[in-house]
Amino acid sequence: MKADFKKTVLIGVVGGAFAGMMMGIFEMLVGLLQGMSFFAPLDVIGHIANQGVSLMHNSGTLIAEGLVIHMILSMMLGAAFAIIVTQLKAFRSNASLSVLFTTVAALAVGVLNEFVIWSAIDKSATSMLHPATFLLGHVLFGAFVGIAIVKSSINEDRLVSA
């Protein structure tokens, strides 16, 4: 594996982890304001892997599983976005376009998750999350990971205009 590719993947993984934490904090705070527990979003994510446990009871098992699932997916998505942004010529010279791409792509992932994948995997968990909060969280994720990728200076010759 080339050193540049490894660096790109690492930046995407770290950016994805950071963006995933920011998204999670946002969703946990909104959930708290809506009368749910602070850890309700992690509880719901963990329910995907462990549907035998009752939802919304602050199950330590579901919260831990939700945290692991969310962070792994965030890091994988961050790495994928970093690879795409660094490989496509249009993004290498335009930081704003890079951030716009990651934001729109993350929103598309959110729509796909909310209305297709999650509904097929765990219908009861889908009904617990407000779609607007879920989708806005994905927009924030995309913006944060895009900024992390742009600010990392993956390519020395990049024009950073964001």
N, C-alpha and C. Protein backbone atom coordinates (compact mmCIF):
# COMPACT_ATOMS: atom_id res chain seq x y z
N MET A 1 0.85 -1.18 0.00
CA MET A 1 0.00 0.00 0.00
C MET A 1 0.89 1.24 0.00
N LYS A 2 0.62 2.19 -0.86
CA LYS A 2 1.42 3.40 -0.93
C LYS A 2 1.23 4.24 0.33
N ALA A 3 2.27 4.98 0.68
CA ALA A 3 2.22 5.82 1.89
C ALA A 3 1.13 6.88 1.78
N ASP A 4 0.94 7.47 0.59
CA ASP A 4 -0.10 8.49 0.41
C ASP A 4 -1.49 7.91 0.64
N PHE A 5 -1.71 6.68 0.16
CA PHE A 5 -3.02 6.05 0.33
C PHE A 5 -3.26 5.73 1.80
N LYS A 6 -2.24 5.23 2.48
CA LYS A 6 -2.36 4.95 3.91
C LYS A 6 -2.68 6.23 4.68
N LYS A 7 -2.00 7.32 4.31
CA LYS A 7 -2.24 8.60 4.98
C LYS A 7 -3.67 9.07 4.72
N THR A 8 -4.13 8.91 3.49
CA THR A 8 -5.50 9.29 3.14
C THR A 8 -6.51 8.51 3.96
N VAL A 9 -6.32 7.20 4.04
CA VAL A 9 -7.23 6.35 4.81
C VAL A 9 -7.19 6.74 6.29
N LEU A 10 -6.01 6.96 6.83
CA LEU A 10 -5.88 7.34 8.24
C LEU A 10 -6.58 8.67 8.52
N ILE A 11 -6.40 9.63 7.64
CA ILE A 11 -7.06 10.93 7.81
C ILE A 11 -8.57 10.75 7.75
N GLY A 12 -9.05 9.92 6.85
CA GLY A 12 -10.48 9.66 6.75
C GLY A 12 -11.02 8.95 7.99
N VAL A 13 -10.27 8.00 8.50
CA VAL A 13 -10.68 7.27 9.71
C VAL A 13 -10.75 8.22 10.90
N VAL A 14 -9.71 9.02 11.09
CA VAL A 14 -9.69 9.96 12.21
C VAL A 14 -10.77 11.04 12.03
N GLY A 15 -10.90 11.56 10.82
CA GLY A 15 -11.95 12.55 10.54
C GLY A 15 -13.33 11.96 10.74
N GLY A 16 -13.52 10.72 10.31
CA GLY A 16 -14.81 10.04 10.50
C GLY A 16 -15.12 9.82 11.96
N ALA A 17 -14.11 9.46 12.74
CA ALA A 17 -14.31 9.27 14.19
C ALA A 17 -14.72 10.58 14.84
N PHE A 18 -14.02 11.65 14.51
CA PHE A 18 -14.35 12.97 15.06
C PHE A 18 -15.76 13.40 14.63
N ALA A 19 -16.05 13.27 13.34
CA ALA A 19 -17.37 13.67 12.82
C ALA A 19 -18.47 12.80 13.43
N GLY A 20 -18.19 11.51 13.61
CA GLY A 20 -19.17 10.62 14.24
C GLY A 20 -19.48 11.02 15.67
N MET A 21 -18.43 11.46 16.40
CA MET A 21 -18.65 11.93 17.77
C MET A 21 -19.48 13.21 17.78
N MET A 22 -19.20 14.12 16.87
CA MET A 22 -19.95 15.38 16.80
C MET A 22 -21.41 15.11 16.45
N MET A 23 -21.62 14.21 15.50
CA MET A 23 -22.99 13.83 15.12
C MET A 23 -23.70 13.19 16.31
N GLY A 24 -23.01 12.29 16.99
CA GLY A 24 -23.60 11.61 18.13
C GLY A 24 -23.97 12.56 19.25
N ILE A 25 -23.09 13.49 19.55
CA ILE A 25 -23.38 14.47 20.60
C ILE A 25 -24.61 15.29 20.23
N PHE A 26 -24.66 15.73 18.98
CA PHE A 26 -25.82 16.49 18.51
C PHE A 26 -27.11 15.69 18.71
N GLU A 27 -27.12 14.45 18.25
CA GLU A 27 -28.33 13.63 18.34
C GLU A 27 -28.68 13.29 19.79
N MET A 28 -27.68 13.09 20.63
CA MET A 28 -27.96 12.79 22.04
C MET A 28 -28.55 14.01 22.74
N LEU A 29 -28.04 15.20 22.42
CA LEU A 29 -28.58 16.42 23.03
C LEU A 29 -30.02 16.67 22.56
N VAL A 30 -30.28 16.48 21.27
CA VAL A 30 -31.64 16.65 20.77
C VAL A 30 -32.57 15.62 21.40
N GLY A 31 -32.12 14.39 21.52
CA GLY A 31 -32.92 13.36 22.17
C GLY A 31 -33.25 13.72 23.61
N LEU A 32 -32.28 14.27 24.30
CA LEU A 32 -32.49 14.71 25.68
C LEU A 32 -33.53 15.82 25.74
N LEU A 33 -33.45 16.77 24.80
CA LEU A 33 -34.43 17.86 24.74
C LEU A 33 -35.83 17.35 24.40
N GLN A 34 -35.91 16.22 23.71
CA GLN A 34 -37.20 15.64 23.34
C GLN A 34 -37.73 14.69 24.40
N GLY A 35 -37.06 14.63 25.54
CA GLY A 35 -37.56 13.82 26.64
C GLY A 35 -37.03 12.40 26.68
N MET A 36 -36.11 12.06 25.80
CA MET A 36 -35.50 10.74 25.84
C MET A 36 -34.26 10.81 26.73
N SER A 37 -33.66 9.69 27.00
CA SER A 37 -32.41 9.70 27.76
C SER A 37 -31.29 10.20 26.86
N PHE A 38 -30.21 10.65 27.48
CA PHE A 38 -29.06 11.16 26.73
C PHE A 38 -28.50 10.08 25.80
N PHE A 39 -28.50 8.84 26.23
CA PHE A 39 -27.90 7.76 25.45
C PHE A 39 -28.90 7.04 24.54
N ALA A 40 -30.10 7.58 24.40
CA ALA A 40 -31.13 6.93 23.58
C ALA A 40 -30.68 6.64 22.15
N PRO A 41 -29.99 7.56 21.46
CA PRO A 41 -29.56 7.23 20.09
C PRO A 41 -28.62 6.02 20.04
N LEU A 42 -27.73 5.90 21.02
CA LEU A 42 -26.84 4.73 21.05
C LEU A 42 -27.62 3.47 21.38
N ASP A 43 -28.60 3.61 22.25
CA ASP A 43 -29.49 2.51 22.61
C ASP A 43 -30.19 1.98 21.35
N VAL A 44 -30.67 2.89 20.53
CA VAL A 44 -31.39 2.53 19.31
C VAL A 44 -30.44 1.87 18.29
N ILE A 45 -29.24 2.41 18.13
CA ILE A 45 -28.28 1.82 17.20
C ILE A 45 -27.89 0.42 17.66
N GLY A 46 -27.65 0.26 18.96
CA GLY A 46 -27.29 -1.05 19.49
C GLY A 46 -28.39 -2.08 19.30
N HIS A 47 -29.63 -1.61 19.25
CA HIS A 47 -30.77 -2.52 19.06
C HIS A 47 -30.73 -3.21 17.72
N ILE A 48 -30.05 -2.62 16.75
CA ILE A 48 -29.90 -3.26 15.43
C ILE A 48 -29.20 -4.61 15.59
N ALA A 49 -28.17 -4.64 16.42
CA ALA A 49 -27.38 -5.86 16.61
C ALA A 49 -27.97 -6.79 17.65
N ASN A 50 -28.78 -6.25 18.54
CA ASN A 50 -29.27 -7.04 19.67
C ASN A 50 -30.76 -6.76 19.88
N GLN A 51 -31.58 -7.24 18.97
CA GLN A 51 -33.00 -6.92 18.99
C GLN A 51 -33.77 -7.62 20.10
N GLY A 52 -33.12 -8.49 20.83
CA GLY A 52 -33.79 -9.17 21.92
C GLY A 52 -33.88 -8.32 23.19
N VAL A 53 -33.14 -7.22 23.23
CA VAL A 53 -33.14 -6.35 24.42
C VAL A 53 -34.16 -5.24 24.21
N SER A 54 -34.88 -4.92 25.25
CA SER A 54 -35.91 -3.88 25.17
C SER A 54 -35.29 -2.51 24.90
N LEU A 55 -35.92 -1.76 24.02
CA LEU A 55 -35.44 -0.42 23.66
C LEU A 55 -35.73 0.61 24.74
N MET A 56 -34.91 1.64 24.76
CA MET A 56 -35.11 2.85 25.55
C MET A 56 -35.11 2.62 27.07
N HIS A 57 -34.32 1.67 27.52
CA HIS A 57 -34.20 1.45 28.95
C HIS A 57 -32.76 1.64 29.41
N ASN A 58 -31.99 2.41 28.65
CA ASN A 58 -30.59 2.68 28.96
C ASN A 58 -29.82 1.40 29.22
N SER A 59 -30.03 0.43 28.37
CA SER A 59 -29.31 -0.84 28.49
C SER A 59 -27.83 -0.59 28.21
N GLY A 60 -26.99 -0.94 29.17
CA GLY A 60 -25.55 -0.79 28.98
C GLY A 60 -25.05 -1.58 27.79
N THR A 61 -25.65 -2.75 27.57
CA THR A 61 -25.27 -3.58 26.43
C THR A 61 -25.58 -2.87 25.12
N LEU A 62 -26.80 -2.35 24.98
CA LEU A 62 -27.18 -1.66 23.75
C LEU A 62 -26.36 -0.39 23.54
N ILE A 63 -26.11 0.35 24.60
CA ILE A 63 -25.33 1.58 24.48
C ILE A 63 -23.91 1.26 24.01
N ALA A 64 -23.29 0.24 24.60
CA ALA A 64 -21.93 -0.15 24.18
C ALA A 64 -21.93 -0.63 22.72
N GLU A 65 -22.91 -1.47 22.38
CA GLU A 65 -22.99 -1.96 21.00
C GLU A 65 -23.25 -0.81 20.04
N GLY A 66 -24.13 0.11 20.42
CA GLY A 66 -24.42 1.27 19.59
C GLY A 66 -23.19 2.13 19.36
N LEU A 67 -22.41 2.34 20.42
CA LEU A 67 -21.19 3.14 20.31
C LEU A 67 -20.20 2.49 19.35
N VAL A 68 -20.00 1.19 19.49
CA VAL A 68 -19.07 0.47 18.62
C VAL A 68 -19.55 0.51 17.17
N ILE A 69 -20.81 0.21 16.95
CA ILE A 69 -21.36 0.21 15.59
C ILE A 69 -21.23 1.60 14.97
N HIS A 70 -21.63 2.63 15.71
CA HIS A 70 -21.59 3.99 15.16
C HIS A 70 -20.17 4.43 14.84
N MET A 71 -19.23 4.14 15.72
CA MET A 71 -17.85 4.57 15.48
C MET A 71 -17.22 3.81 14.31
N ILE A 72 -17.48 2.51 14.21
CA ILE A 72 -16.93 1.75 13.08
C ILE A 72 -17.48 2.28 11.76
N LEU A 73 -18.79 2.48 11.70
CA LEU A 73 -19.39 3.00 10.46
C LEU A 73 -18.91 4.41 10.15
N SER A 74 -18.76 5.24 11.16
CA SER A 74 -18.27 6.61 10.96
C SER A 74 -16.85 6.61 10.41
N MET A 75 -16.00 5.75 10.96
CA MET A 75 -14.61 5.68 10.48
C MET A 75 -14.54 5.12 9.07
N MET A 76 -15.36 4.11 8.77
CA MET A 76 -15.37 3.55 7.42
C MET A 76 -15.86 4.58 6.40
N LEU A 77 -16.92 5.30 6.75
CA LEU A 77 -17.45 6.31 5.85
C LEU A 77 -16.45 7.46 5.68
N GLY A 78 -15.81 7.85 6.76
CA GLY A 78 -14.77 8.89 6.67
C GLY A 78 -13.64 8.47 5.75
N ALA A 79 -13.19 7.23 5.86
CA ALA A 79 -12.13 6.73 4.98
C ALA A 79 -12.58 6.72 3.52
N ALA A 80 -13.81 6.26 3.28
CA ALA A 80 -14.34 6.23 1.91
C ALA A 80 -14.41 7.64 1.33
N PHE A 81 -14.89 8.59 2.12
CA PHE A 81 -14.97 9.97 1.64
C PHE A 81 -13.59 10.54 1.36
N ALA A 82 -12.62 10.26 2.22
CA ALA A 82 -11.26 10.76 2.01
C ALA A 82 -10.67 10.20 0.71
N ILE A 83 -10.90 8.92 0.46
CA ILE A 83 -10.39 8.31 -0.77
C ILE A 83 -11.03 8.96 -1.98
N ILE A 84 -12.34 9.14 -1.96
CA ILE A 84 -13.04 9.75 -3.09
C ILE A 84 -12.56 11.18 -3.32
N VAL A 85 -12.50 11.96 -2.25
CA VAL A 85 -12.12 13.38 -2.38
C VAL A 85 -10.70 13.52 -2.91
N THR A 86 -9.80 12.64 -2.51
CA THR A 86 -8.41 12.77 -2.97
C THR A 86 -8.19 12.19 -4.35
N GLN A 87 -9.07 11.32 -4.80
CA GLN A 87 -8.88 10.68 -6.10
C GLN A 87 -9.53 11.44 -7.26
N LEU A 88 -10.57 12.18 -7.00
CA LEU A 88 -11.25 12.89 -8.08
C LEU A 88 -10.64 14.28 -8.27
N LYS A 89 -10.23 14.55 -9.47
CA LYS A 89 -9.51 15.78 -9.78
C LYS A 89 -10.29 17.04 -9.42
N ALA A 90 -11.60 17.04 -9.62
CA ALA A 90 -12.42 18.23 -9.33
C ALA A 90 -12.35 18.60 -7.85
N PHE A 91 -12.23 17.60 -6.99
CA PHE A 91 -12.18 17.88 -5.54
C PHE A 91 -10.79 18.31 -5.08
N ARG A 92 -9.76 17.84 -5.76
CA ARG A 92 -8.39 18.16 -5.32
C ARG A 92 -8.09 19.65 -5.39
N SER A 93 -8.77 20.36 -6.27
CA SER A 93 -8.47 21.78 -6.42
C SER A 93 -9.53 22.69 -5.82
N ASN A 94 -10.54 22.13 -5.21
CA ASN A 94 -11.63 22.96 -4.70
C ASN A 94 -12.12 22.42 -3.35
N ALA A 95 -11.68 23.06 -2.29
CA ALA A 95 -12.03 22.62 -0.94
C ALA A 95 -13.53 22.73 -0.68
N SER A 96 -14.15 23.80 -1.15
CA SER A 96 -15.59 23.99 -0.93
C SER A 96 -16.39 22.87 -1.59
N LEU A 97 -15.99 22.49 -2.79
CA LEU A 97 -16.66 21.41 -3.50
C LEU A 97 -16.46 20.08 -2.75
N SER A 98 -15.29 19.90 -2.17
CA SER A 98 -15.03 18.69 -1.39
C SER A 98 -15.97 18.59 -0.19
N VAL A 99 -16.10 19.69 0.54
CA VAL A 99 -16.98 19.70 1.72
C VAL A 99 -18.44 19.55 1.29
N LEU A 100 -18.82 20.19 0.20
CA LEU A 100 -20.19 20.04 -0.31
C LEU A 100 -20.46 18.59 -0.68
N PHE A 101 -19.50 17.96 -1.34
CA PHE A 101 -19.66 16.54 -1.71
C PHE A 101 -19.85 15.68 -0.47
N THR A 102 -18.98 15.81 0.53
CA THR A 102 -19.09 14.95 1.71
C THR A 102 -20.40 15.21 2.46
N THR A 103 -20.86 16.45 2.46
CA THR A 103 -22.11 16.78 3.14
C THR A 103 -23.30 16.15 2.42
N VAL A 104 -23.37 16.30 1.12
CA VAL A 104 -24.48 15.73 0.34
C VAL A 104 -24.42 14.20 0.36
N ALA A 105 -23.22 13.65 0.25
CA ALA A 105 -23.08 12.19 0.28
C ALA A 105 -23.51 11.63 1.63
N ALA A 106 -23.15 12.31 2.72
CA ALA A 106 -23.56 11.85 4.06
C ALA A 106 -25.08 11.95 4.21
N LEU A 107 -25.68 13.00 3.66
CA LEU A 107 -27.14 13.12 3.69
C LEU A 107 -27.78 11.97 2.91
N ALA A 108 -27.21 11.63 1.77
CA ALA A 108 -27.73 10.50 0.98
C ALA A 108 -27.62 9.20 1.77
N VAL A 109 -26.52 9.02 2.48
CA VAL A 109 -26.35 7.83 3.32
C VAL A 109 -27.43 7.82 4.41
N GLY A 110 -27.68 9.00 5.00
CA GLY A 110 -28.72 9.11 6.03
C GLY A 110 -30.10 8.75 5.50
N VAL A 111 -30.43 9.25 4.33
CA VAL A 111 -31.73 8.94 3.71
C VAL A 111 -31.84 7.44 3.44
N LEU A 112 -30.79 6.88 2.87
CA LEU A 112 -30.78 5.44 2.59
C LEU A 112 -30.92 4.64 3.88
N ASN A 113 -30.18 5.03 4.92
CA ASN A 113 -30.27 4.32 6.20
C ASN A 113 -31.66 4.44 6.81
N GLU A 114 -32.18 5.65 6.88
CA GLU A 114 -33.45 5.90 7.57
C GLU A 114 -34.64 5.22 6.88
N PHE A 115 -34.69 5.35 5.57
CA PHE A 115 -35.89 4.93 4.86
C PHE A 115 -35.80 3.58 4.16
N VAL A 116 -34.61 3.00 4.08
CA VAL A 116 -34.47 1.71 3.40
C VAL A 116 -33.83 0.68 4.31
N ILE A 117 -32.58 0.90 4.66
CA ILE A 117 -31.81 -0.12 5.38
C ILE A 117 -32.35 -0.34 6.79
N TRP A 118 -32.44 0.73 7.57
CA TRP A 118 -32.86 0.59 8.96
C TRP A 118 -34.28 0.02 9.05
N SER A 119 -35.14 0.47 8.16
CA SER A 119 -36.52 -0.03 8.15
C SER A 119 -36.57 -1.53 7.89
N ALA A 120 -35.68 -2.00 7.05
CA ALA A 120 -35.65 -3.42 6.73
C ALA A 120 -35.03 -4.25 7.86
N ILE A 121 -34.08 -3.68 8.57
CA ILE A 121 -33.36 -4.41 9.62
C ILE A 121 -34.11 -4.39 10.95
N ASP A 122 -34.57 -3.20 11.36
CA ASP A 122 -35.13 -3.06 12.71
C ASP A 122 -36.22 -1.98 12.71
N LYS A 123 -37.43 -2.39 12.35
CA LYS A 123 -38.56 -1.46 12.23
C LYS A 123 -38.86 -0.75 13.55
N SER A 124 -38.75 -1.42 14.67
CA SER A 124 -39.07 -0.79 15.95
C SER A 124 -38.08 0.31 16.31
N ALA A 125 -36.82 0.14 15.95
CA ALA A 125 -35.82 1.17 16.23
C ALA A 125 -36.00 2.37 15.30
N THR A 126 -36.40 2.12 14.08
CA THR A 126 -36.61 3.21 13.13
C THR A 126 -37.65 4.20 13.64
N SER A 127 -38.70 3.70 14.23
CA SER A 127 -39.77 4.58 14.69
C SER A 127 -39.36 5.41 15.91
N MET A 128 -38.25 5.08 16.57
CA MET A 128 -37.81 5.81 17.75
C MET A 128 -37.06 7.11 17.42
N LEU A 129 -36.45 7.16 16.27
CA LEU A 129 -35.66 8.33 15.89
C LEU A 129 -36.48 9.27 15.02
N HIS A 130 -36.40 10.55 15.29
CA HIS A 130 -37.08 11.53 14.45
C HIS A 130 -36.25 11.70 13.17
N PRO A 131 -36.85 11.49 12.01
CA PRO A 131 -36.10 11.55 10.76
C PRO A 131 -35.35 12.87 10.55
N ALA A 132 -35.95 13.99 10.91
CA ALA A 132 -35.27 15.28 10.70
C ALA A 132 -33.99 15.36 11.52
N THR A 133 -34.03 14.91 12.75
CA THR A 133 -32.83 14.92 13.60
C THR A 133 -31.78 13.99 13.03
N PHE A 134 -32.20 12.82 12.63
CA PHE A 134 -31.31 11.82 12.06
C PHE A 134 -30.62 12.37 10.80
N LEU A 135 -31.39 12.98 9.92
CA LEU A 135 -30.83 13.50 8.67
C LEU A 135 -29.95 14.71 8.90
N LEU A 136 -30.36 15.60 9.81
CA LEU A 136 -29.51 16.75 10.13
C LEU A 136 -28.20 16.28 10.76
N GLY A 137 -28.26 15.24 11.56
CA GLY A 137 -27.03 14.67 12.12
C GLY A 137 -26.09 14.19 11.03
N HIS A 138 -26.64 13.60 9.98
CA HIS A 138 -25.81 13.15 8.86
C HIS A 138 -25.23 14.33 8.08
N VAL A 139 -25.98 15.39 7.95
CA VAL A 139 -25.45 16.60 7.30
C VAL A 139 -24.26 17.14 8.10
N LEU A 140 -24.42 17.20 9.41
CA LEU A 140 -23.32 17.66 10.27
C LEU A 140 -22.12 16.73 10.15
N PHE A 141 -22.37 15.42 10.12
CA PHE A 141 -21.28 14.46 9.95
C PHE A 141 -20.52 14.77 8.66
N GLY A 142 -21.26 14.91 7.55
CA GLY A 142 -20.62 15.15 6.26
C GLY A 142 -19.81 16.43 6.24
N ALA A 143 -20.35 17.49 6.84
CA ALA A 143 -19.62 18.76 6.88
C ALA A 143 -18.36 18.63 7.73
N PHE A 144 -18.48 18.01 8.90
CA PHE A 144 -17.31 17.85 9.77
C PHE A 144 -16.23 16.99 9.13
N VAL A 145 -16.62 15.86 8.54
CA VAL A 145 -15.61 14.99 7.94
C VAL A 145 -14.99 15.66 6.71
N GLY A 146 -15.79 16.40 5.96
CA GLY A 146 -15.24 17.12 4.80
C GLY A 146 -14.24 18.18 5.21
N ILE A 147 -14.55 18.92 6.24
CA ILE A 147 -13.62 19.94 6.74
C ILE A 147 -12.36 19.28 7.27
N ALA A 148 -12.50 18.17 7.98
CA ALA A 148 -11.32 17.46 8.50
C ALA A 148 -10.42 16.99 7.35
N ILE A 149 -11.01 16.50 6.28
CA ILE A 149 -10.23 16.03 5.14
C ILE A 149 -9.53 17.21 4.46
N VAL A 150 -10.26 18.28 4.24
CA VAL A 150 -9.69 19.46 3.57
C VAL A 150 -8.57 20.08 4.42
N LYS A 151 -8.81 20.21 5.70
CA LYS A 151 -7.83 20.85 6.58
C LYS A 151 -6.61 19.97 6.84
N SER A 152 -6.69 18.71 6.53
CA SER A 152 -5.57 17.81 6.79
C SER A 152 -4.44 17.97 5.78
N SER A 153 -4.71 18.67 4.69
CA SER A 153 -3.71 18.87 3.64
C SER A 153 -3.18 17.55 3.11
N ILE A 154 -4.10 16.67 2.72
CA ILE A 154 -3.71 15.38 2.17
C ILE A 154 -2.80 15.58 0.96
N ASN A 155 -3.20 16.50 0.11
CA ASN A 155 -2.38 16.82 -1.07
C ASN A 155 -1.72 18.17 -0.84
N GLU A 156 -0.41 18.19 -0.94
CA GLU A 156 0.32 19.43 -0.70
C GLU A 156 -0.06 20.53 -1.69
N ASP A 157 -0.47 20.15 -2.90
CA ASP A 157 -0.79 21.13 -3.93
C ASP A 157 -2.25 21.57 -3.93
N ARG A 158 -2.98 21.18 -2.93
CA ARG A 158 -4.42 21.53 -2.86
C ARG A 158 -4.64 23.01 -2.66
N LEU A 159 -5.62 23.52 -3.33
CA LEU A 159 -6.06 24.89 -3.10
C LEU A 159 -7.15 24.83 -2.04
N VAL A 160 -6.88 25.33 -0.87
CA VAL A 160 -7.86 25.30 0.22
C VAL A 160 -8.60 26.63 0.21
N SER A 161 -9.84 26.60 -0.24
CA SER A 161 -10.61 27.83 -0.36
C SER A 161 -11.81 27.83 0.57
N ALA A 162 -11.90 26.87 1.46
CA ALA A 162 -13.05 26.80 2.37
C ALA A 162 -12.87 27.71 3.55
